[in-house]
Amino acid sequence: MTAQHSRGRPRGTTKRELELIAMRLFSEQGFDETTVEQIATAAGISGRTFFRYFPGKAEVLWYSFDDEVTALRAAFATVPDAEPMMAAVRRVVVNANRYRAEDVPELRTRMKLVTSVPALAATAGTHYDAWERAVGEFAASRLGEPTDTLIPMAVGRSTLAASRAAFDAWLARADADLTVYLDRALAALERGFATPDANQITSAP
């Protein structure tokens, strides 16, 4: 790429394109070894322009996760009043994590980077907090309680913990679709981790 093509914002540059470029470079040469300037150059933009999209290279891989938080909020807003709270949480979270088969390798690459690179893991807190709040706010609305009270907070945090466990198990085994793991973990949470009745047992890892 020539210098004249590496400066300025080319038409069509998006956060999504930067995410894909960054993920490729992180996988090929390592997160610590990849610079913002390298990502920007590969995208045909300046380093200064990069920072109009993201505050730093670690934030690039949280772009899709933040979109999921937005999707969760929108889905919770449409839950029927008659649907039990934890059944709704389970359904909404599982549906938010349905991926096309061709997108799975990218998802696995992103999650492996986020969980294995200390600098990326260190940035997780604010993003997980937002995800947790999306669930907790729904619980609060159902329970008629403030979001920062015990039970809505417990619902948000326990749902996040169960979902993270499902992601970790899926990354380690990859013998079924991610939604199978999520559904099983959240079904267990929904019933308080009691042993399911025989007629509730479904095929799952």
N, C-alpha and C. Protein backbone atom coordinates (compact mmCIF):
# COMPACT_ATOMS: atom_id res chain seq x y z
N MET A 1 0.84 -1.19 0.00
CA MET A 1 0.00 0.00 0.00
C MET A 1 0.88 1.23 0.00
N THR A 2 0.63 2.13 -0.88
CA THR A 2 1.45 3.33 -0.99
C THR A 2 1.06 4.33 0.07
N ALA A 3 1.95 5.28 0.32
CA ALA A 3 1.70 6.26 1.36
C ALA A 3 0.46 7.09 1.06
N GLN A 4 0.24 7.40 -0.23
CA GLN A 4 -0.89 8.24 -0.56
C GLN A 4 -2.22 7.54 -0.33
N HIS A 5 -2.21 6.20 -0.25
CA HIS A 5 -3.44 5.47 0.01
C HIS A 5 -3.62 5.16 1.49
N SER A 6 -2.61 5.48 2.30
CA SER A 6 -2.70 5.13 3.72
C SER A 6 -3.14 6.31 4.57
N ARG A 7 -3.43 7.44 3.92
CA ARG A 7 -3.83 8.62 4.66
C ARG A 7 -5.27 9.00 4.34
N GLY A 8 -5.94 9.60 5.32
CA GLY A 8 -7.30 10.06 5.07
C GLY A 8 -8.30 8.93 5.15
N ARG A 9 -9.53 9.25 5.30
CA ARG A 9 -10.56 8.25 5.45
C ARG A 9 -11.13 7.85 4.10
N PRO A 10 -10.89 6.61 3.67
CA PRO A 10 -11.44 6.18 2.39
C PRO A 10 -12.94 5.97 2.52
N ARG A 11 -13.60 6.08 1.45
CA ARG A 11 -15.03 5.90 1.45
C ARG A 11 -15.37 4.47 1.86
N GLY A 12 -16.27 4.32 2.79
CA GLY A 12 -16.72 2.99 3.16
C GLY A 12 -16.03 2.39 4.36
N THR A 13 -15.03 3.09 4.95
CA THR A 13 -14.39 2.56 6.14
C THR A 13 -15.40 2.55 7.29
N THR A 14 -15.47 1.42 7.99
CA THR A 14 -16.44 1.27 9.07
C THR A 14 -15.77 0.62 10.28
N LYS A 15 -16.45 0.68 11.41
CA LYS A 15 -15.97 -0.01 12.61
C LYS A 15 -15.84 -1.51 12.33
N ARG A 16 -16.77 -2.03 11.58
CA ARG A 16 -16.75 -3.46 11.28
C ARG A 16 -15.50 -3.83 10.49
N GLU A 17 -15.12 -3.01 9.52
CA GLU A 17 -13.92 -3.29 8.74
C GLU A 17 -12.67 -3.23 9.62
N LEU A 18 -12.62 -2.26 10.51
CA LEU A 18 -11.49 -2.16 11.42
C LEU A 18 -11.43 -3.37 12.36
N GLU A 19 -12.58 -3.84 12.79
CA GLU A 19 -12.64 -5.01 13.65
C GLU A 19 -12.03 -6.23 12.95
N LEU A 20 -12.42 -6.46 11.71
CA LEU A 20 -11.92 -7.61 10.97
C LEU A 20 -10.42 -7.51 10.71
N ILE A 21 -9.95 -6.32 10.38
CA ILE A 21 -8.52 -6.12 10.14
C ILE A 21 -7.73 -6.34 11.42
N ALA A 22 -8.21 -5.75 12.51
CA ALA A 22 -7.52 -5.90 13.80
C ALA A 22 -7.48 -7.35 14.24
N MET A 23 -8.59 -8.06 14.08
CA MET A 23 -8.64 -9.45 14.48
C MET A 23 -7.62 -10.29 13.69
N ARG A 24 -7.51 -10.00 12.41
CA ARG A 24 -6.55 -10.74 11.58
C ARG A 24 -5.13 -10.45 12.04
N LEU A 25 -4.81 -9.19 12.27
CA LEU A 25 -3.45 -8.84 12.69
C LEU A 25 -3.14 -9.37 14.09
N PHE A 26 -4.10 -9.30 14.99
CA PHE A 26 -3.87 -9.83 16.34
C PHE A 26 -3.59 -11.33 16.27
N SER A 27 -4.31 -12.05 15.41
CA SER A 27 -4.14 -13.50 15.29
C SER A 27 -2.82 -13.85 14.63
N GLU A 28 -2.41 -13.06 13.64
CA GLU A 28 -1.20 -13.35 12.88
C GLU A 28 0.07 -12.98 13.64
N GLN A 29 0.08 -11.85 14.30
CA GLN A 29 1.33 -11.38 14.89
C GLN A 29 1.27 -11.09 16.38
N GLY A 30 0.11 -11.30 16.99
CA GLY A 30 -0.04 -11.08 18.42
C GLY A 30 -0.61 -9.72 18.74
N PHE A 31 -1.36 -9.66 19.83
CA PHE A 31 -2.00 -8.40 20.21
C PHE A 31 -0.97 -7.34 20.58
N ASP A 32 -0.03 -7.70 21.45
CA ASP A 32 0.95 -6.73 21.92
C ASP A 32 1.84 -6.22 20.79
N GLU A 33 2.07 -7.09 19.79
CA GLU A 33 2.95 -6.71 18.69
C GLU A 33 2.25 -5.89 17.61
N THR A 34 0.95 -5.80 17.67
CA THR A 34 0.19 -5.06 16.67
C THR A 34 -0.07 -3.64 17.16
N THR A 35 0.24 -2.67 16.33
CA THR A 35 0.04 -1.28 16.71
C THR A 35 -1.20 -0.69 16.06
N VAL A 36 -1.69 0.38 16.63
CA VAL A 36 -2.81 1.10 16.03
C VAL A 36 -2.45 1.54 14.63
N GLU A 37 -1.22 1.99 14.45
CA GLU A 37 -0.79 2.46 13.13
C GLU A 37 -0.85 1.34 12.09
N GLN A 38 -0.51 0.13 12.50
CA GLN A 38 -0.58 -0.99 11.56
C GLN A 38 -2.02 -1.29 11.17
N ILE A 39 -2.92 -1.25 12.13
CA ILE A 39 -4.35 -1.48 11.84
C ILE A 39 -4.85 -0.39 10.91
N ALA A 40 -4.51 0.85 11.22
CA ALA A 40 -4.96 1.98 10.42
C ALA A 40 -4.43 1.89 8.99
N THR A 41 -3.16 1.57 8.86
CA THR A 41 -2.56 1.48 7.53
C THR A 41 -3.23 0.39 6.70
N ALA A 42 -3.48 -0.76 7.34
CA ALA A 42 -4.13 -1.85 6.63
C ALA A 42 -5.54 -1.46 6.19
N ALA A 43 -6.16 -0.55 6.93
CA ALA A 43 -7.51 -0.09 6.59
C ALA A 43 -7.50 1.09 5.62
N GLY A 44 -6.31 1.64 5.37
CA GLY A 44 -6.22 2.78 4.48
C GLY A 44 -6.62 4.09 5.12
N ILE A 45 -6.41 4.19 6.44
CA ILE A 45 -6.71 5.43 7.14
C ILE A 45 -5.50 5.83 7.98
N SER A 46 -5.55 7.01 8.55
CA SER A 46 -4.47 7.46 9.42
C SER A 46 -4.70 6.97 10.83
N GLY A 47 -3.62 6.95 11.62
CA GLY A 47 -3.77 6.59 13.02
C GLY A 47 -4.71 7.54 13.74
N ARG A 48 -4.65 8.81 13.38
CA ARG A 48 -5.55 9.79 14.00
C ARG A 48 -7.01 9.49 13.68
N THR A 49 -7.27 9.06 12.46
CA THR A 49 -8.64 8.72 12.07
C THR A 49 -9.12 7.49 12.82
N PHE A 50 -8.22 6.54 13.07
CA PHE A 50 -8.58 5.35 13.82
C PHE A 50 -9.23 5.73 15.15
N PHE A 51 -8.68 6.73 15.82
CA PHE A 51 -9.17 7.10 17.14
C PHE A 51 -10.52 7.81 17.08
N ARG A 52 -11.01 8.12 15.90
CA ARG A 52 -12.37 8.62 15.77
C ARG A 52 -13.37 7.47 15.88
N TYR A 53 -12.88 6.27 15.64
CA TYR A 53 -13.73 5.08 15.72
C TYR A 53 -13.63 4.41 17.08
N PHE A 54 -12.42 4.27 17.59
CA PHE A 54 -12.17 3.54 18.84
C PHE A 54 -11.15 4.29 19.69
N PRO A 55 -11.28 4.23 21.01
CA PRO A 55 -10.31 4.90 21.88
C PRO A 55 -8.97 4.18 21.97
N GLY A 56 -8.91 2.93 21.53
CA GLY A 56 -7.67 2.17 21.56
C GLY A 56 -7.85 0.84 20.87
N LYS A 57 -6.76 0.13 20.64
CA LYS A 57 -6.86 -1.12 19.87
C LYS A 57 -7.62 -2.20 20.62
N ALA A 58 -7.58 -2.19 21.95
CA ALA A 58 -8.29 -3.22 22.72
C ALA A 58 -9.79 -3.11 22.53
N GLU A 59 -10.29 -1.89 22.34
CA GLU A 59 -11.73 -1.70 22.22
C GLU A 59 -12.31 -2.21 20.91
N VAL A 60 -11.45 -2.45 19.92
CA VAL A 60 -11.95 -2.88 18.62
C VAL A 60 -12.71 -4.20 18.73
N LEU A 61 -12.20 -5.13 19.52
CA LEU A 61 -12.82 -6.45 19.60
C LEU A 61 -14.07 -6.48 20.47
N TRP A 62 -14.40 -5.37 21.11
CA TRP A 62 -15.64 -5.32 21.90
C TRP A 62 -16.79 -4.70 21.11
N TYR A 63 -16.52 -4.32 19.88
CA TYR A 63 -17.53 -3.66 19.06
C TYR A 63 -18.78 -4.52 18.89
N SER A 64 -18.62 -5.78 18.51
CA SER A 64 -19.77 -6.66 18.30
C SER A 64 -20.46 -6.98 19.62
N PHE A 65 -19.70 -7.10 20.69
CA PHE A 65 -20.30 -7.37 22.00
C PHE A 65 -21.20 -6.22 22.42
N ASP A 66 -20.76 -5.00 22.18
CA ASP A 66 -21.58 -3.84 22.53
C ASP A 66 -22.86 -3.80 21.71
N ASP A 67 -22.79 -4.26 20.47
CA ASP A 67 -24.00 -4.35 19.65
C ASP A 67 -24.99 -5.35 20.26
N GLU A 68 -24.45 -6.41 20.85
CA GLU A 68 -25.32 -7.41 21.48
C GLU A 68 -26.07 -6.80 22.66
N VAL A 69 -25.41 -5.93 23.41
CA VAL A 69 -26.07 -5.27 24.54
C VAL A 69 -27.26 -4.46 24.03
N THR A 70 -27.06 -3.75 22.93
CA THR A 70 -28.14 -2.96 22.33
C THR A 70 -29.29 -3.88 21.90
N ALA A 71 -28.93 -5.02 21.31
CA ALA A 71 -29.95 -5.98 20.86
C ALA A 71 -30.71 -6.56 22.04
N LEU A 72 -30.02 -6.83 23.14
CA LEU A 72 -30.69 -7.34 24.33
C LEU A 72 -31.74 -6.35 24.84
N ARG A 73 -31.37 -5.10 24.93
CA ARG A 73 -32.30 -4.08 25.43
C ARG A 73 -33.53 -4.00 24.54
N ALA A 74 -33.32 -4.03 23.24
CA ALA A 74 -34.45 -3.95 22.31
C ALA A 74 -35.36 -5.17 22.45
N ALA A 75 -34.76 -6.35 22.62
CA ALA A 75 -35.55 -7.58 22.74
C ALA A 75 -36.32 -7.62 24.05
N PHE A 76 -35.68 -7.20 25.13
CA PHE A 76 -36.39 -7.19 26.42
C PHE A 76 -37.58 -6.25 26.39
N ALA A 77 -37.51 -5.21 25.61
CA ALA A 77 -38.60 -4.23 25.54
C ALA A 77 -39.84 -4.83 24.88
N THR A 78 -39.69 -5.96 24.19
CA THR A 78 -40.83 -6.57 23.49
C THR A 78 -41.33 -7.85 24.16
N VAL A 79 -40.79 -8.20 25.30
CA VAL A 79 -41.19 -9.44 25.98
C VAL A 79 -42.65 -9.34 26.44
N PRO A 80 -43.48 -10.32 26.12
CA PRO A 80 -44.88 -10.30 26.57
C PRO A 80 -44.97 -10.35 28.09
N ASP A 81 -45.95 -9.66 28.64
CA ASP A 81 -46.11 -9.63 30.09
C ASP A 81 -46.33 -11.02 30.69
N ALA A 82 -46.94 -11.91 29.92
CA ALA A 82 -47.27 -13.24 30.44
C ALA A 82 -46.07 -14.18 30.49
N GLU A 83 -44.98 -13.84 29.82
CA GLU A 83 -43.82 -14.75 29.80
C GLU A 83 -43.07 -14.65 31.12
N PRO A 84 -42.81 -15.77 31.79
CA PRO A 84 -42.07 -15.74 33.05
C PRO A 84 -40.71 -15.06 32.89
N MET A 85 -40.28 -14.35 33.92
CA MET A 85 -39.08 -13.52 33.82
C MET A 85 -37.84 -14.29 33.38
N MET A 86 -37.50 -15.38 34.06
CA MET A 86 -36.26 -16.08 33.74
C MET A 86 -36.37 -16.86 32.43
N ALA A 87 -37.59 -17.28 32.07
CA ALA A 87 -37.77 -17.90 30.76
C ALA A 87 -37.51 -16.88 29.67
N ALA A 88 -37.94 -15.64 29.90
CA ALA A 88 -37.71 -14.57 28.94
C ALA A 88 -36.22 -14.24 28.84
N VAL A 89 -35.55 -14.19 29.97
CA VAL A 89 -34.11 -13.93 29.97
C VAL A 89 -33.38 -15.00 29.16
N ARG A 90 -33.73 -16.23 29.42
CA ARG A 90 -33.11 -17.35 28.69
C ARG A 90 -33.35 -17.22 27.19
N ARG A 91 -34.58 -16.97 26.79
CA ARG A 91 -34.92 -16.89 25.37
C ARG A 91 -34.21 -15.73 24.69
N VAL A 92 -34.23 -14.58 25.32
CA VAL A 92 -33.63 -13.39 24.72
C VAL A 92 -32.12 -13.54 24.57
N VAL A 93 -31.46 -14.03 25.59
CA VAL A 93 -30.00 -14.18 25.54
C VAL A 93 -29.61 -15.22 24.49
N VAL A 94 -30.32 -16.33 24.45
CA VAL A 94 -30.02 -17.36 23.45
C VAL A 94 -30.22 -16.81 22.04
N ASN A 95 -31.32 -16.12 21.81
CA ASN A 95 -31.60 -15.58 20.48
C ASN A 95 -30.59 -14.53 20.06
N ALA A 96 -30.06 -13.79 21.02
CA ALA A 96 -29.06 -12.76 20.70
C ALA A 96 -27.73 -13.35 20.30
N ASN A 97 -27.56 -14.64 20.54
CA ASN A 97 -26.28 -15.29 20.23
C ASN A 97 -26.42 -16.36 19.15
N ARG A 98 -27.37 -16.20 18.28
CA ARG A 98 -27.49 -17.10 17.14
C ARG A 98 -26.60 -16.59 16.01
N TYR A 99 -25.74 -17.45 15.52
CA TYR A 99 -24.81 -17.07 14.47
C TYR A 99 -24.94 -18.00 13.29
N ARG A 100 -24.68 -17.45 12.12
CA ARG A 100 -24.62 -18.30 10.93
C ARG A 100 -23.38 -19.19 11.02
N ALA A 101 -23.44 -20.35 10.42
CA ALA A 101 -22.32 -21.29 10.49
C ALA A 101 -21.04 -20.65 9.98
N GLU A 102 -21.14 -19.83 8.95
CA GLU A 102 -19.94 -19.22 8.38
C GLU A 102 -19.33 -18.15 9.28
N ASP A 103 -20.09 -17.69 10.28
CA ASP A 103 -19.58 -16.67 11.20
C ASP A 103 -18.91 -17.26 12.44
N VAL A 104 -19.06 -18.55 12.65
CA VAL A 104 -18.57 -19.19 13.87
C VAL A 104 -17.04 -19.09 14.01
N PRO A 105 -16.25 -19.34 12.95
CA PRO A 105 -14.79 -19.22 13.11
C PRO A 105 -14.36 -17.84 13.59
N GLU A 106 -15.01 -16.80 13.05
CA GLU A 106 -14.69 -15.44 13.49
C GLU A 106 -15.05 -15.24 14.95
N LEU A 107 -16.20 -15.73 15.35
CA LEU A 107 -16.63 -15.60 16.75
C LEU A 107 -15.65 -16.30 17.68
N ARG A 108 -15.24 -17.50 17.31
CA ARG A 108 -14.30 -18.24 18.15
C ARG A 108 -12.96 -17.51 18.23
N THR A 109 -12.50 -16.95 17.12
CA THR A 109 -11.25 -16.20 17.14
C THR A 109 -11.34 -15.01 18.07
N ARG A 110 -12.44 -14.27 17.98
CA ARG A 110 -12.62 -13.09 18.83
C ARG A 110 -12.65 -13.46 20.30
N MET A 111 -13.42 -14.51 20.64
CA MET A 111 -13.55 -14.89 22.03
C MET A 111 -12.24 -15.45 22.60
N LYS A 112 -11.51 -16.19 21.78
CA LYS A 112 -10.21 -16.71 22.24
C LYS A 112 -9.25 -15.56 22.54
N LEU A 113 -9.25 -14.55 21.69
CA LEU A 113 -8.39 -13.39 21.93
C LEU A 113 -8.79 -12.67 23.21
N VAL A 114 -10.09 -12.45 23.37
CA VAL A 114 -10.59 -11.70 24.53
C VAL A 114 -10.29 -12.43 25.83
N THR A 115 -10.36 -13.76 25.81
CA THR A 115 -10.16 -14.52 27.04
C THR A 115 -8.69 -14.87 27.31
N SER A 116 -7.84 -14.84 26.29
CA SER A 116 -6.46 -15.30 26.46
C SER A 116 -5.43 -14.17 26.51
N VAL A 117 -5.78 -12.98 26.03
CA VAL A 117 -4.84 -11.86 26.02
C VAL A 117 -5.11 -10.99 27.25
N PRO A 118 -4.17 -10.89 28.18
CA PRO A 118 -4.42 -10.13 29.41
C PRO A 118 -4.86 -8.69 29.16
N ALA A 119 -4.27 -8.03 28.18
CA ALA A 119 -4.63 -6.64 27.92
C ALA A 119 -6.08 -6.51 27.44
N LEU A 120 -6.56 -7.52 26.73
CA LEU A 120 -7.95 -7.51 26.29
C LEU A 120 -8.88 -7.88 27.43
N ALA A 121 -8.51 -8.87 28.21
CA ALA A 121 -9.33 -9.27 29.35
C ALA A 121 -9.48 -8.13 30.33
N ALA A 122 -8.45 -7.29 30.45
CA ALA A 122 -8.48 -6.17 31.38
C ALA A 122 -9.50 -5.11 30.99
N THR A 123 -9.91 -5.10 29.72
CA THR A 123 -10.88 -4.10 29.26
C THR A 123 -12.32 -4.62 29.34
N ALA A 124 -12.49 -5.83 29.83
CA ALA A 124 -13.80 -6.48 29.77
C ALA A 124 -14.83 -5.87 30.72
N GLY A 125 -14.36 -5.31 31.84
CA GLY A 125 -15.27 -4.92 32.91
C GLY A 125 -16.42 -4.03 32.49
N THR A 126 -16.14 -2.94 31.81
CA THR A 126 -17.21 -2.00 31.46
C THR A 126 -18.20 -2.62 30.49
N HIS A 127 -17.72 -3.49 29.62
CA HIS A 127 -18.60 -4.12 28.64
C HIS A 127 -19.49 -5.17 29.30
N TYR A 128 -18.91 -5.98 30.18
CA TYR A 128 -19.71 -6.95 30.92
C TYR A 128 -20.72 -6.25 31.83
N ASP A 129 -20.31 -5.13 32.41
CA ASP A 129 -21.23 -4.38 33.28
C ASP A 129 -22.46 -3.91 32.50
N ALA A 130 -22.24 -3.44 31.27
CA ALA A 130 -23.36 -2.97 30.45
C ALA A 130 -24.29 -4.12 30.10
N TRP A 131 -23.72 -5.28 29.77
CA TRP A 131 -24.52 -6.48 29.44
C TRP A 131 -25.35 -6.88 30.66
N GLU A 132 -24.68 -6.92 31.80
CA GLU A 132 -25.34 -7.28 33.06
C GLU A 132 -26.48 -6.32 33.39
N ARG A 133 -26.25 -5.03 33.18
CA ARG A 133 -27.29 -4.03 33.48
C ARG A 133 -28.50 -4.20 32.57
N ALA A 134 -28.26 -4.57 31.31
CA ALA A 134 -29.38 -4.77 30.39
C ALA A 134 -30.32 -5.85 30.93
N VAL A 135 -29.75 -6.92 31.47
CA VAL A 135 -30.57 -8.00 32.05
C VAL A 135 -31.19 -7.54 33.36
N GLY A 136 -30.39 -6.87 34.20
CA GLY A 136 -30.88 -6.42 35.49
C GLY A 136 -32.01 -5.41 35.38
N GLU A 137 -31.94 -4.54 34.39
CA GLU A 137 -33.00 -3.55 34.19
C GLU A 137 -34.31 -4.22 33.78
N PHE A 138 -34.20 -5.27 32.97
CA PHE A 138 -35.41 -6.01 32.62
C PHE A 138 -36.01 -6.66 33.86
N ALA A 139 -35.15 -7.28 34.67
CA ALA A 139 -35.63 -7.92 35.90
C ALA A 139 -36.28 -6.88 36.82
N ALA A 140 -35.66 -5.72 36.92
CA ALA A 140 -36.21 -4.67 37.79
C ALA A 140 -37.58 -4.23 37.32
N SER A 141 -37.74 -4.12 36.01
CA SER A 141 -39.05 -3.69 35.49
C SER A 141 -40.11 -4.73 35.77
N ARG A 142 -39.73 -6.01 35.71
CA ARG A 142 -40.69 -7.08 35.99
C ARG A 142 -41.05 -7.14 37.47
N LEU A 143 -40.06 -6.89 38.31
CA LEU A 143 -40.26 -7.02 39.76
C LEU A 143 -40.78 -5.74 40.39
N GLY A 144 -40.79 -4.66 39.62
CA GLY A 144 -41.23 -3.39 40.17
C GLY A 144 -40.28 -2.85 41.21
N GLU A 145 -38.99 -3.10 41.02
CA GLU A 145 -37.97 -2.66 41.98
C GLU A 145 -36.95 -1.79 41.26
N PRO A 146 -36.23 -0.96 41.99
CA PRO A 146 -35.14 -0.20 41.38
C PRO A 146 -34.05 -1.13 40.85
N THR A 147 -33.36 -0.70 39.81
CA THR A 147 -32.34 -1.54 39.18
C THR A 147 -31.21 -1.89 40.13
N ASP A 148 -30.90 -0.99 41.06
CA ASP A 148 -29.75 -1.21 41.94
C ASP A 148 -30.10 -1.94 43.23
N THR A 149 -31.26 -2.59 43.27
CA THR A 149 -31.62 -3.39 44.44
C THR A 149 -31.16 -4.84 44.25
N LEU A 150 -31.23 -5.60 45.33
CA LEU A 150 -30.58 -6.92 45.37
C LEU A 150 -31.00 -7.87 44.25
N ILE A 151 -32.28 -8.15 44.10
CA ILE A 151 -32.68 -9.21 43.19
C ILE A 151 -32.42 -8.85 41.72
N PRO A 152 -32.76 -7.65 41.25
CA PRO A 152 -32.40 -7.33 39.87
C PRO A 152 -30.89 -7.43 39.62
N MET A 153 -30.08 -6.99 40.58
CA MET A 153 -28.63 -7.12 40.44
C MET A 153 -28.22 -8.58 40.39
N ALA A 154 -28.84 -9.41 41.23
CA ALA A 154 -28.51 -10.84 41.26
C ALA A 154 -28.89 -11.51 39.95
N VAL A 155 -30.04 -11.14 39.39
CA VAL A 155 -30.45 -11.71 38.12
C VAL A 155 -29.45 -11.35 37.03
N GLY A 156 -29.07 -10.08 36.97
CA GLY A 156 -28.12 -9.66 35.95
C GLY A 156 -26.78 -10.36 36.08
N ARG A 157 -26.26 -10.40 37.29
CA ARG A 157 -24.93 -10.98 37.49
C ARG A 157 -24.92 -12.49 37.33
N SER A 158 -25.95 -13.16 37.81
CA SER A 158 -25.97 -14.62 37.66
C SER A 158 -26.18 -15.02 36.20
N THR A 159 -26.94 -14.24 35.46
CA THR A 159 -27.14 -14.53 34.03
C THR A 159 -25.84 -14.33 33.28
N LEU A 160 -25.12 -13.27 33.59
CA LEU A 160 -23.82 -13.05 32.96
C LEU A 160 -22.86 -14.19 33.27
N ALA A 161 -22.81 -14.60 34.54
CA ALA A 161 -21.90 -15.68 34.93
C ALA A 161 -22.23 -16.98 34.21
N ALA A 162 -23.52 -17.32 34.13
CA ALA A 162 -23.92 -18.55 33.44
C ALA A 162 -23.60 -18.47 31.96
N SER A 163 -23.79 -17.31 31.37
CA SER A 163 -23.50 -17.14 29.94
C SER A 163 -22.01 -17.22 29.66
N ARG A 164 -21.21 -16.64 30.53
CA ARG A 164 -19.75 -16.73 30.35
C ARG A 164 -19.27 -18.17 30.50
N ALA A 165 -19.87 -18.91 31.41
CA ALA A 165 -19.52 -20.32 31.55
C ALA A 165 -19.86 -21.08 30.27
N ALA A 166 -21.01 -20.75 29.67
CA ALA A 166 -21.40 -21.40 28.43
C ALA A 166 -20.41 -21.08 27.31
N PHE A 167 -20.00 -19.83 27.23
CA PHE A 167 -19.01 -19.44 26.22
C PHE A 167 -17.70 -20.18 26.42
N ASP A 168 -17.23 -20.26 27.66
CA ASP A 168 -15.96 -20.93 27.93
C ASP A 168 -16.02 -22.41 27.59
N ALA A 169 -17.14 -23.07 27.94
CA ALA A 169 -17.29 -24.49 27.61
C ALA A 169 -17.35 -24.69 26.11
N TRP A 170 -18.04 -23.79 25.43
CA TRP A 170 -18.14 -23.88 23.97
C TRP A 170 -16.78 -23.69 23.31
N LEU A 171 -15.99 -22.75 23.79
CA LEU A 171 -14.66 -22.53 23.24
C LEU A 171 -13.77 -23.75 23.44
N ALA A 172 -13.91 -24.40 24.58
CA ALA A 172 -13.06 -25.54 24.90
C ALA A 172 -13.43 -26.78 24.11
N ARG A 173 -14.74 -26.98 23.83
CA ARG A 173 -15.18 -28.23 23.25
C ARG A 173 -15.67 -28.10 21.81
N ALA A 174 -16.44 -27.08 21.53
CA ALA A 174 -16.93 -26.82 20.17
C ALA A 174 -17.59 -28.04 19.53
N ASP A 175 -18.32 -28.81 20.33
CA ASP A 175 -18.97 -30.01 19.80
C ASP A 175 -20.46 -29.80 19.55
N ALA A 176 -20.91 -28.57 19.71
CA ALA A 176 -22.31 -28.23 19.46
C ALA A 176 -22.38 -26.72 19.21
N ASP A 177 -23.54 -26.27 18.76
CA ASP A 177 -23.73 -24.84 18.54
C ASP A 177 -23.66 -24.09 19.86
N LEU A 178 -23.18 -22.85 19.82
CA LEU A 178 -23.10 -22.02 21.01
C LEU A 178 -24.44 -21.92 21.73
N THR A 179 -25.52 -21.81 20.98
CA THR A 179 -26.83 -21.66 21.61
C THR A 179 -27.22 -22.88 22.43
N VAL A 180 -26.71 -24.05 22.09
CA VAL A 180 -26.98 -25.25 22.89
C VAL A 180 -26.37 -25.09 24.28
N TYR A 181 -25.14 -24.60 24.32
CA TYR A 181 -24.48 -24.37 25.61
C TYR A 181 -25.21 -23.29 26.42
N LEU A 182 -25.54 -22.19 25.76
CA LEU A 182 -26.23 -21.11 26.45
C LEU A 182 -27.58 -21.56 26.98
N ASP A 183 -28.32 -22.27 26.16
CA ASP A 183 -29.64 -22.71 26.58
C ASP A 183 -29.55 -23.65 27.77
N ARG A 184 -28.58 -24.54 27.74
CA ARG A 184 -28.44 -25.48 28.86
C ARG A 184 -28.06 -24.75 30.15
N ALA A 185 -27.11 -23.82 30.06
CA ALA A 185 -26.67 -23.09 31.25
C ALA A 185 -27.80 -22.23 31.81
N LEU A 186 -28.52 -21.55 30.93
CA LEU A 186 -29.58 -20.66 31.40
C LEU A 186 -30.82 -21.43 31.84
N ALA A 187 -31.05 -22.60 31.28
CA ALA A 187 -32.14 -23.45 31.76
C ALA A 187 -31.84 -23.92 33.18
N ALA A 188 -30.57 -24.25 33.44
CA ALA A 188 -30.18 -24.65 34.79
C ALA A 188 -30.35 -23.49 35.77
N LEU A 189 -29.98 -22.30 35.34
CA LEU A 189 -30.17 -21.12 36.19
C LEU A 189 -31.65 -20.88 36.45
N GLU A 190 -32.45 -21.04 35.42
CA GLU A 190 -33.89 -20.80 35.53
C GLU A 190 -34.55 -21.70 36.58
N ARG A 191 -34.08 -22.95 36.68
CA ARG A 191 -34.69 -23.88 37.64
C ARG A 191 -33.90 -23.93 38.95
N GLY A 192 -32.97 -22.97 39.13
CA GLY A 192 -32.20 -22.93 40.37
C GLY A 192 -31.18 -24.04 40.48
N PHE A 193 -30.73 -24.56 39.33
CA PHE A 193 -29.74 -25.63 39.25
C PHE A 193 -30.20 -26.92 39.90
N ALA A 194 -31.51 -27.07 40.05
CA ALA A 194 -32.04 -28.34 40.52
C ALA A 194 -31.94 -29.37 39.39
N THR A 195 -31.88 -30.64 39.75
CA THR A 195 -31.82 -31.69 38.75
C THR A 195 -33.11 -31.68 37.94
N PRO A 196 -33.01 -31.63 36.61
CA PRO A 196 -34.24 -31.56 35.80
C PRO A 196 -35.01 -32.88 35.84
N ASP A 197 -36.32 -32.78 35.66
CA ASP A 197 -37.12 -33.99 35.54
C ASP A 197 -36.73 -34.70 34.25
N ALA A 198 -37.03 -35.98 34.18
CA ALA A 198 -36.66 -36.76 32.99
C ALA A 198 -37.26 -36.16 31.72
N ASN A 199 -38.48 -35.64 31.81
CA ASN A 199 -39.11 -35.11 30.60
C ASN A 199 -38.60 -33.72 30.23
N GLN A 200 -37.70 -33.15 31.08
CA GLN A 200 -37.10 -31.87 30.75
C GLN A 200 -35.73 -32.02 30.12
N ILE A 201 -35.17 -33.21 30.21
CA ILE A 201 -33.82 -33.43 29.72
C ILE A 201 -33.82 -33.45 28.20
N THR A 202 -32.96 -32.63 27.62
CA THR A 202 -32.82 -32.61 26.15
C THR A 202 -31.38 -32.91 25.80
N SER A 203 -31.15 -33.19 24.55
CA SER A 203 -29.79 -33.46 24.09
C SER A 203 -28.96 -32.20 24.17
N ALA A 204 -27.92 -32.24 24.96
CA ALA A 204 -27.04 -31.07 25.13
C ALA A 204 -25.69 -31.58 25.62
N PRO A 205 -24.65 -30.77 25.39
CA PRO A 205 -23.32 -31.22 25.81
C PRO A 205 -23.16 -31.25 27.32
